[in-house]
Amino acid sequence: MHRPQDPDFEARVRRSFGKQSVMETIGARMTEVAPGATTIALAVAPHICQQHGFVHAGIVSTIADSACGYAALSLMPAGAGVLTAEFKINLLAPAAGDRLEARGRVVRAGRMLTVAQAEVEAIDGERRKTVAVMTATLVTLEGREGIAD
């Protein structure tokens, strides 16, 4: 179980997520925030799909990256920001269904670097299928909560 350094971590994570205009552009929503874990949901729509009708890999990567980043941010000190230093994604199956969910979780939180993982599931009615797995390294940016702060 992870312990957040900032008692107001959830509000800070949600505030930061709200500043990402790309999430608004693609229609993503943050549905869950817990210490070291977040979930981002995305309704499948034509404007985020590639030529075969599947959600584009870049969009899948985008929500997985943000799920990892915000899981990491939830454990960082107040006033800190987060930046992705590296990620690797395995695309396991076409992302098709009614919606996608990216669930990020911290594997190890360090003072400067945090390692997190995300699984992206495609949901079609009651059926869930894992379509991608990401491992990411996130950097703690002291005193850089966000450029709009």
N, C-alpha and C. Protein backbone atom coordinates (compact mmCIF):
# COMPACT_ATOMS: atom_id res chain seq x y z
N MET A 1 0.85 -1.19 0.00
CA MET A 1 0.00 0.00 0.00
C MET A 1 0.89 1.24 0.00
N HIS A 2 0.57 2.16 -0.85
CA HIS A 2 1.34 3.40 -0.95
C HIS A 2 0.73 4.47 -0.05
N ARG A 3 1.62 5.34 0.45
CA ARG A 3 1.18 6.47 1.26
C ARG A 3 1.51 7.77 0.54
N PRO A 4 0.50 8.60 0.29
CA PRO A 4 0.77 9.86 -0.37
C PRO A 4 1.50 10.83 0.56
N GLN A 5 2.39 11.64 -0.02
CA GLN A 5 3.09 12.66 0.75
C GLN A 5 2.23 13.91 0.93
N ASP A 6 1.27 14.09 0.05
CA ASP A 6 0.40 15.25 0.05
C ASP A 6 -1.00 14.80 0.44
N PRO A 7 -1.54 15.28 1.57
CA PRO A 7 -2.90 14.86 1.95
C PRO A 7 -3.97 15.31 0.95
N ASP A 8 -3.66 16.30 0.13
CA ASP A 8 -4.59 16.81 -0.88
C ASP A 8 -4.27 16.26 -2.27
N PHE A 9 -3.68 15.06 -2.31
CA PHE A 9 -3.19 14.49 -3.58
C PHE A 9 -4.30 14.34 -4.62
N GLU A 10 -5.49 13.91 -4.20
CA GLU A 10 -6.54 13.66 -5.19
C GLU A 10 -6.96 14.94 -5.90
N ALA A 11 -7.16 16.01 -5.15
CA ALA A 11 -7.55 17.28 -5.77
C ALA A 11 -6.44 17.78 -6.69
N ARG A 12 -5.17 17.62 -6.28
CA ARG A 12 -4.04 18.07 -7.09
C ARG A 12 -3.96 17.27 -8.39
N VAL A 13 -4.15 15.96 -8.31
CA VAL A 13 -4.12 15.11 -9.51
C VAL A 13 -5.25 15.49 -10.45
N ARG A 14 -6.44 15.65 -9.92
CA ARG A 14 -7.59 15.99 -10.77
C ARG A 14 -7.43 17.39 -11.39
N ARG A 15 -6.87 18.32 -10.63
CA ARG A 15 -6.63 19.66 -11.14
C ARG A 15 -5.63 19.62 -12.31
N SER A 16 -4.56 18.85 -12.14
CA SER A 16 -3.56 18.72 -13.20
C SER A 16 -4.16 18.05 -14.44
N PHE A 17 -4.93 16.99 -14.22
CA PHE A 17 -5.57 16.30 -15.35
C PHE A 17 -6.46 17.27 -16.13
N GLY A 18 -7.17 18.14 -15.42
CA GLY A 18 -8.05 19.11 -16.06
C GLY A 18 -7.32 20.10 -16.94
N LYS A 19 -6.01 20.26 -16.72
CA LYS A 19 -5.21 21.19 -17.53
C LYS A 19 -4.70 20.56 -18.82
N GLN A 20 -4.87 19.27 -18.98
CA GLN A 20 -4.39 18.59 -20.19
C GLN A 20 -5.44 18.71 -21.28
N SER A 21 -5.29 19.68 -22.13
CA SER A 21 -6.29 19.89 -23.18
C SER A 21 -6.39 18.69 -24.12
N VAL A 22 -5.33 17.92 -24.24
CA VAL A 22 -5.39 16.74 -25.11
C VAL A 22 -6.42 15.75 -24.57
N MET A 23 -6.57 15.65 -23.27
CA MET A 23 -7.57 14.73 -22.71
C MET A 23 -8.98 15.19 -23.07
N GLU A 24 -9.20 16.50 -23.03
CA GLU A 24 -10.50 17.03 -23.45
C GLU A 24 -10.72 16.79 -24.94
N THR A 25 -9.68 16.98 -25.73
CA THR A 25 -9.78 16.79 -27.19
C THR A 25 -10.20 15.37 -27.55
N ILE A 26 -9.62 14.38 -26.87
CA ILE A 26 -9.96 12.99 -27.20
C ILE A 26 -11.17 12.48 -26.42
N GLY A 27 -11.61 13.22 -25.40
CA GLY A 27 -12.79 12.82 -24.63
C GLY A 27 -12.50 11.93 -23.43
N ALA A 28 -11.27 11.95 -22.95
CA ALA A 28 -10.89 11.11 -21.80
C ALA A 28 -11.34 11.74 -20.49
N ARG A 29 -11.67 10.88 -19.51
CA ARG A 29 -12.08 11.32 -18.17
C ARG A 29 -11.29 10.54 -17.13
N MET A 30 -10.91 11.21 -16.06
CA MET A 30 -10.29 10.51 -14.93
C MET A 30 -11.42 10.03 -14.03
N THR A 31 -11.53 8.72 -13.87
CA THR A 31 -12.65 8.16 -13.11
C THR A 31 -12.27 7.72 -11.70
N GLU A 32 -10.99 7.43 -11.47
CA GLU A 32 -10.56 6.99 -10.14
C GLU A 32 -9.18 7.55 -9.82
N VAL A 33 -9.02 7.96 -8.57
CA VAL A 33 -7.72 8.39 -8.07
C VAL A 33 -7.57 7.81 -6.67
N ALA A 34 -6.49 7.09 -6.45
CA ALA A 34 -6.15 6.53 -5.14
C ALA A 34 -4.65 6.68 -4.98
N PRO A 35 -4.11 6.52 -3.79
CA PRO A 35 -2.66 6.61 -3.64
C PRO A 35 -1.94 5.59 -4.53
N GLY A 36 -1.19 6.09 -5.49
CA GLY A 36 -0.42 5.22 -6.38
C GLY A 36 -1.22 4.56 -7.48
N ALA A 37 -2.45 5.02 -7.72
CA ALA A 37 -3.27 4.38 -8.76
C ALA A 37 -4.28 5.37 -9.33
N THR A 38 -4.50 5.27 -10.64
CA THR A 38 -5.52 6.09 -11.31
C THR A 38 -6.16 5.27 -12.42
N THR A 39 -7.35 5.70 -12.80
CA THR A 39 -8.04 5.11 -13.95
C THR A 39 -8.52 6.23 -14.85
N ILE A 40 -8.27 6.07 -16.14
CA ILE A 40 -8.73 7.01 -17.15
C ILE A 40 -9.63 6.24 -18.11
N ALA A 41 -10.84 6.79 -18.33
CA ALA A 41 -11.81 6.17 -19.23
C ALA A 41 -11.94 6.99 -20.50
N LEU A 42 -12.21 6.29 -21.59
CA LEU A 42 -12.31 6.95 -22.89
C LEU A 42 -13.39 6.24 -23.71
N ALA A 43 -14.41 6.99 -24.12
CA ALA A 43 -15.44 6.44 -25.01
C ALA A 43 -14.84 6.34 -26.41
N VAL A 44 -15.08 5.22 -27.06
CA VAL A 44 -14.59 5.04 -28.43
C VAL A 44 -15.47 5.87 -29.37
N ALA A 45 -14.81 6.63 -30.22
CA ALA A 45 -15.50 7.50 -31.18
C ALA A 45 -14.69 7.56 -32.47
N PRO A 46 -15.32 7.85 -33.59
CA PRO A 46 -14.61 7.84 -34.88
C PRO A 46 -13.39 8.75 -34.94
N HIS A 47 -13.41 9.89 -34.25
CA HIS A 47 -12.29 10.85 -34.37
C HIS A 47 -11.01 10.38 -33.69
N ILE A 48 -11.04 9.26 -32.97
CA ILE A 48 -9.82 8.72 -32.33
C ILE A 48 -9.42 7.37 -32.92
N CYS A 49 -10.08 6.99 -34.01
CA CYS A 49 -9.80 5.68 -34.63
C CYS A 49 -8.91 5.81 -35.86
N GLN A 50 -8.23 4.70 -36.16
CA GLN A 50 -7.41 4.65 -37.36
C GLN A 50 -8.22 4.06 -38.51
N GLN A 51 -7.57 3.79 -39.61
CA GLN A 51 -8.26 3.43 -40.86
C GLN A 51 -9.03 2.12 -40.80
N HIS A 52 -8.73 1.24 -39.84
CA HIS A 52 -9.44 -0.04 -39.73
C HIS A 52 -10.57 0.01 -38.71
N GLY A 53 -10.76 1.18 -38.09
CA GLY A 53 -11.85 1.33 -37.12
C GLY A 53 -11.45 1.06 -35.68
N PHE A 54 -10.18 0.73 -35.44
CA PHE A 54 -9.70 0.53 -34.06
C PHE A 54 -9.20 1.85 -33.50
N VAL A 55 -9.23 1.98 -32.17
CA VAL A 55 -8.66 3.19 -31.56
C VAL A 55 -7.18 3.22 -31.92
N HIS A 56 -6.71 4.37 -32.37
CA HIS A 56 -5.34 4.54 -32.81
C HIS A 56 -4.36 4.24 -31.67
N ALA A 57 -3.25 3.59 -32.00
CA ALA A 57 -2.23 3.24 -31.00
C ALA A 57 -1.71 4.47 -30.26
N GLY A 58 -1.64 5.60 -30.93
CA GLY A 58 -1.21 6.83 -30.28
C GLY A 58 -2.16 7.27 -29.19
N ILE A 59 -3.44 7.06 -29.39
CA ILE A 59 -4.45 7.39 -28.37
C ILE A 59 -4.36 6.41 -27.21
N VAL A 60 -4.21 5.13 -27.52
CA VAL A 60 -4.04 4.11 -26.47
C VAL A 60 -2.81 4.46 -25.62
N SER A 61 -1.72 4.82 -26.28
CA SER A 61 -0.50 5.22 -25.57
C SER A 61 -0.72 6.46 -24.72
N THR A 62 -1.48 7.40 -25.24
CA THR A 62 -1.73 8.66 -24.53
C THR A 62 -2.45 8.42 -23.21
N ILE A 63 -3.51 7.61 -23.21
CA ILE A 63 -4.23 7.39 -21.95
C ILE A 63 -3.43 6.51 -20.99
N ALA A 64 -2.64 5.57 -21.52
CA ALA A 64 -1.80 4.75 -20.65
C ALA A 64 -0.70 5.59 -20.00
N ASP A 65 -0.09 6.47 -20.78
CA ASP A 65 0.95 7.36 -20.26
C ASP A 65 0.39 8.26 -19.15
N SER A 66 -0.78 8.83 -19.38
CA SER A 66 -1.38 9.69 -18.35
C SER A 66 -1.78 8.90 -17.11
N ALA A 67 -2.27 7.68 -17.29
CA ALA A 67 -2.62 6.85 -16.12
C ALA A 67 -1.38 6.57 -15.28
N CYS A 68 -0.26 6.26 -15.94
CA CYS A 68 1.01 6.04 -15.21
C CYS A 68 1.47 7.33 -14.54
N GLY A 69 1.45 8.42 -15.28
CA GLY A 69 1.93 9.70 -14.76
C GLY A 69 1.14 10.17 -13.56
N TYR A 70 -0.18 10.07 -13.63
CA TYR A 70 -0.99 10.53 -12.51
C TYR A 70 -0.95 9.58 -11.32
N ALA A 71 -0.75 8.30 -11.56
CA ALA A 71 -0.51 7.38 -10.44
C ALA A 71 0.75 7.80 -9.70
N ALA A 72 1.80 8.15 -10.47
CA ALA A 72 3.06 8.62 -9.87
C ALA A 72 2.86 9.94 -9.14
N LEU A 73 2.17 10.89 -9.77
CA LEU A 73 1.96 12.21 -9.15
C LEU A 73 1.22 12.09 -7.82
N SER A 74 0.34 11.12 -7.71
CA SER A 74 -0.43 10.97 -6.47
C SER A 74 0.45 10.70 -5.25
N LEU A 75 1.67 10.24 -5.48
CA LEU A 75 2.58 9.94 -4.37
C LEU A 75 3.68 10.99 -4.19
N MET A 76 3.70 11.99 -5.06
CA MET A 76 4.75 13.01 -5.00
C MET A 76 4.36 14.12 -4.02
N PRO A 77 5.35 14.88 -3.54
CA PRO A 77 5.05 15.94 -2.58
C PRO A 77 4.22 17.07 -3.18
N ALA A 78 3.52 17.79 -2.33
CA ALA A 78 2.74 18.95 -2.76
C ALA A 78 3.67 19.90 -3.52
N GLY A 79 3.17 20.47 -4.59
CA GLY A 79 3.96 21.42 -5.38
C GLY A 79 4.81 20.77 -6.45
N ALA A 80 4.93 19.44 -6.43
CA ALA A 80 5.73 18.75 -7.44
C ALA A 80 4.90 18.54 -8.70
N GLY A 81 5.59 18.42 -9.80
CA GLY A 81 4.97 18.05 -11.07
C GLY A 81 5.56 16.74 -11.53
N VAL A 82 5.02 16.19 -12.59
CA VAL A 82 5.49 14.91 -13.11
C VAL A 82 5.74 15.04 -14.60
N LEU A 83 6.75 14.32 -15.06
CA LEU A 83 7.10 14.30 -16.47
C LEU A 83 7.54 12.88 -16.83
N THR A 84 7.06 12.38 -17.94
CA THR A 84 7.47 11.05 -18.39
C THR A 84 8.87 11.13 -18.98
N ALA A 85 9.75 10.23 -18.51
CA ALA A 85 11.11 10.15 -19.04
C ALA A 85 11.22 9.05 -20.10
N GLU A 86 10.40 8.00 -19.94
CA GLU A 86 10.51 6.85 -20.85
C GLU A 86 9.27 6.00 -20.69
N PHE A 87 8.84 5.37 -21.78
CA PHE A 87 7.83 4.32 -21.64
C PHE A 87 7.99 3.30 -22.74
N LYS A 88 7.49 2.12 -22.44
CA LYS A 88 7.42 1.04 -23.42
C LYS A 88 6.00 0.52 -23.38
N ILE A 89 5.43 0.34 -24.55
CA ILE A 89 4.06 -0.17 -24.61
C ILE A 89 4.02 -1.41 -25.48
N ASN A 90 3.31 -2.41 -25.01
CA ASN A 90 3.02 -3.60 -25.81
C ASN A 90 1.56 -3.51 -26.21
N LEU A 91 1.31 -3.48 -27.51
CA LEU A 91 -0.05 -3.47 -28.04
C LEU A 91 -0.43 -4.93 -28.28
N LEU A 92 -1.34 -5.43 -27.47
CA LEU A 92 -1.64 -6.87 -27.44
C LEU A 92 -2.78 -7.28 -28.38
N ALA A 93 -3.69 -6.36 -28.63
CA ALA A 93 -4.86 -6.66 -29.47
C ALA A 93 -5.42 -5.33 -29.97
N PRO A 94 -6.20 -5.37 -31.05
CA PRO A 94 -6.82 -4.14 -31.52
C PRO A 94 -7.73 -3.54 -30.44
N ALA A 95 -7.67 -2.23 -30.30
CA ALA A 95 -8.48 -1.53 -29.30
C ALA A 95 -9.84 -1.22 -29.91
N ALA A 96 -10.80 -2.11 -29.68
CA ALA A 96 -12.14 -1.97 -30.22
C ALA A 96 -13.15 -2.29 -29.13
N GLY A 97 -14.22 -1.55 -29.12
CA GLY A 97 -15.28 -1.76 -28.13
C GLY A 97 -16.04 -0.47 -27.94
N ASP A 98 -16.79 -0.41 -26.84
CA ASP A 98 -17.55 0.80 -26.50
C ASP A 98 -16.67 1.85 -25.86
N ARG A 99 -15.73 1.39 -25.02
CA ARG A 99 -14.86 2.32 -24.31
C ARG A 99 -13.56 1.62 -23.93
N LEU A 100 -12.57 2.45 -23.57
CA LEU A 100 -11.30 1.96 -23.07
C LEU A 100 -11.12 2.44 -21.63
N GLU A 101 -10.41 1.65 -20.84
CA GLU A 101 -10.00 2.07 -19.50
C GLU A 101 -8.51 1.80 -19.35
N ALA A 102 -7.79 2.83 -18.94
CA ALA A 102 -6.36 2.69 -18.64
C ALA A 102 -6.21 2.78 -17.13
N ARG A 103 -5.70 1.72 -16.53
CA ARG A 103 -5.50 1.67 -15.07
C ARG A 103 -4.00 1.72 -14.80
N GLY A 104 -3.57 2.83 -14.21
CA GLY A 104 -2.15 3.00 -13.88
C GLY A 104 -1.91 2.70 -12.42
N ARG A 105 -0.72 2.13 -12.15
CA ARG A 105 -0.35 1.86 -10.75
C ARG A 105 1.15 2.00 -10.60
N VAL A 106 1.56 2.50 -9.46
CA VAL A 106 2.97 2.66 -9.16
C VAL A 106 3.56 1.31 -8.75
N VAL A 107 4.68 0.98 -9.35
CA VAL A 107 5.43 -0.22 -8.97
C VAL A 107 6.42 0.15 -7.87
N ARG A 108 7.15 1.24 -8.09
CA ARG A 108 8.11 1.73 -7.10
C ARG A 108 8.22 3.24 -7.21
N ALA A 109 8.01 3.91 -6.08
CA ALA A 109 8.11 5.37 -6.03
C ALA A 109 9.43 5.74 -5.38
N GLY A 110 10.24 6.49 -6.11
CA GLY A 110 11.50 6.98 -5.57
C GLY A 110 11.44 8.49 -5.39
N ARG A 111 12.50 9.05 -4.87
CA ARG A 111 12.54 10.50 -4.64
C ARG A 111 12.51 11.26 -5.96
N MET A 112 13.27 10.79 -6.95
CA MET A 112 13.33 11.47 -8.25
C MET A 112 12.66 10.69 -9.39
N LEU A 113 12.73 9.37 -9.33
CA LEU A 113 12.17 8.53 -10.39
C LEU A 113 11.13 7.57 -9.83
N THR A 114 10.06 7.41 -10.56
CA THR A 114 9.00 6.46 -10.20
C THR A 114 8.77 5.55 -11.39
N VAL A 115 8.61 4.27 -11.12
CA VAL A 115 8.26 3.30 -12.16
C VAL A 115 6.80 2.93 -11.97
N ALA A 116 6.04 2.99 -13.06
CA ALA A 116 4.62 2.67 -13.02
C ALA A 116 4.27 1.77 -14.20
N GLN A 117 3.13 1.10 -14.06
CA GLN A 117 2.62 0.27 -15.14
C GLN A 117 1.16 0.63 -15.38
N ALA A 118 0.71 0.42 -16.61
CA ALA A 118 -0.70 0.61 -16.95
C ALA A 118 -1.16 -0.55 -17.81
N GLU A 119 -2.39 -0.93 -17.59
CA GLU A 119 -3.07 -1.87 -18.48
C GLU A 119 -4.23 -1.12 -19.09
N VAL A 120 -4.40 -1.29 -20.39
CA VAL A 120 -5.53 -0.69 -21.08
C VAL A 120 -6.46 -1.82 -21.50
N GLU A 121 -7.71 -1.69 -21.09
CA GLU A 121 -8.72 -2.68 -21.46
C GLU A 121 -9.74 -2.05 -22.40
N ALA A 122 -10.15 -2.83 -23.39
CA ALA A 122 -11.28 -2.47 -24.25
C ALA A 122 -12.51 -3.13 -23.65
N ILE A 123 -13.56 -2.35 -23.51
CA ILE A 123 -14.79 -2.84 -22.88
C ILE A 123 -15.90 -2.77 -23.92
N ASP A 124 -16.56 -3.90 -24.11
CA ASP A 124 -17.67 -3.99 -25.05
C ASP A 124 -18.80 -4.69 -24.31
N GLY A 125 -19.78 -3.90 -23.86
CA GLY A 125 -20.84 -4.47 -23.01
C GLY A 125 -20.23 -4.96 -21.70
N GLU A 126 -20.37 -6.24 -21.43
CA GLU A 126 -19.81 -6.85 -20.21
C GLU A 126 -18.43 -7.45 -20.44
N ARG A 127 -18.01 -7.52 -21.70
CA ARG A 127 -16.72 -8.14 -22.03
C ARG A 127 -15.58 -7.14 -21.89
N ARG A 128 -14.49 -7.60 -21.27
CA ARG A 128 -13.27 -6.80 -21.12
C ARG A 128 -12.12 -7.57 -21.72
N LYS A 129 -11.26 -6.83 -22.43
CA LYS A 129 -10.10 -7.47 -23.04
C LYS A 129 -8.91 -6.54 -22.88
N THR A 130 -7.80 -7.06 -22.37
CA THR A 130 -6.59 -6.26 -22.26
C THR A 130 -6.00 -6.08 -23.65
N VAL A 131 -5.82 -4.79 -24.04
CA VAL A 131 -5.32 -4.50 -25.38
C VAL A 131 -3.92 -3.90 -25.37
N ALA A 132 -3.46 -3.44 -24.20
CA ALA A 132 -2.12 -2.86 -24.12
C ALA A 132 -1.61 -2.89 -22.69
N VAL A 133 -0.29 -2.98 -22.57
CA VAL A 133 0.39 -2.92 -21.28
C VAL A 133 1.57 -1.96 -21.44
N MET A 134 1.69 -1.02 -20.51
CA MET A 134 2.77 -0.03 -20.56
C MET A 134 3.58 -0.09 -19.28
N THR A 135 4.89 0.10 -19.41
CA THR A 135 5.78 0.36 -18.28
C THR A 135 6.39 1.73 -18.52
N ALA A 136 6.37 2.59 -17.49
CA ALA A 136 6.86 3.95 -17.66
C ALA A 136 7.76 4.37 -16.51
N THR A 137 8.69 5.25 -16.81
CA THR A 137 9.54 5.90 -15.81
C THR A 137 9.15 7.36 -15.78
N LEU A 138 8.80 7.86 -14.59
CA LEU A 138 8.34 9.22 -14.42
C LEU A 138 9.32 9.97 -13.54
N VAL A 139 9.51 11.25 -13.84
CA VAL A 139 10.44 12.12 -13.12
C VAL A 139 9.64 13.07 -12.23
N THR A 140 10.09 13.23 -10.98
CA THR A 140 9.52 14.23 -10.08
C THR A 140 10.14 15.58 -10.40
N LEU A 141 9.28 16.57 -10.69
CA LEU A 141 9.74 17.93 -10.95
C LEU A 141 9.39 18.78 -9.74
N GLU A 142 10.35 19.02 -8.88
CA GLU A 142 10.12 19.81 -7.67
C GLU A 142 9.74 21.23 -8.02
N GLY A 143 8.70 21.75 -7.35
CA GLY A 143 8.30 23.13 -7.55
C GLY A 143 7.70 23.43 -8.90
N ARG A 144 7.21 22.40 -9.60
CA ARG A 144 6.65 22.58 -10.95
C ARG A 144 5.31 21.89 -11.06
N GLU A 145 4.38 22.23 -10.18
CA GLU A 145 3.07 21.57 -10.18
C GLU A 145 2.40 21.65 -11.54
N GLY A 146 2.50 22.77 -12.18
CA GLY A 146 1.89 22.91 -13.51
C GLY A 146 2.14 24.29 -14.04
N ILE A 147 2.22 24.42 -15.33
CA ILE A 147 2.57 25.72 -15.91
C ILE A 147 1.49 26.76 -15.70
N ALA A 148 0.26 26.34 -15.47
CA ALA A 148 -0.82 27.32 -15.30
C ALA A 148 -1.01 27.72 -13.84
N ASP A 149 -0.23 27.15 -12.94
CA ASP A 149 -0.38 27.48 -11.51
C ASP A 149 0.27 28.80 -11.17
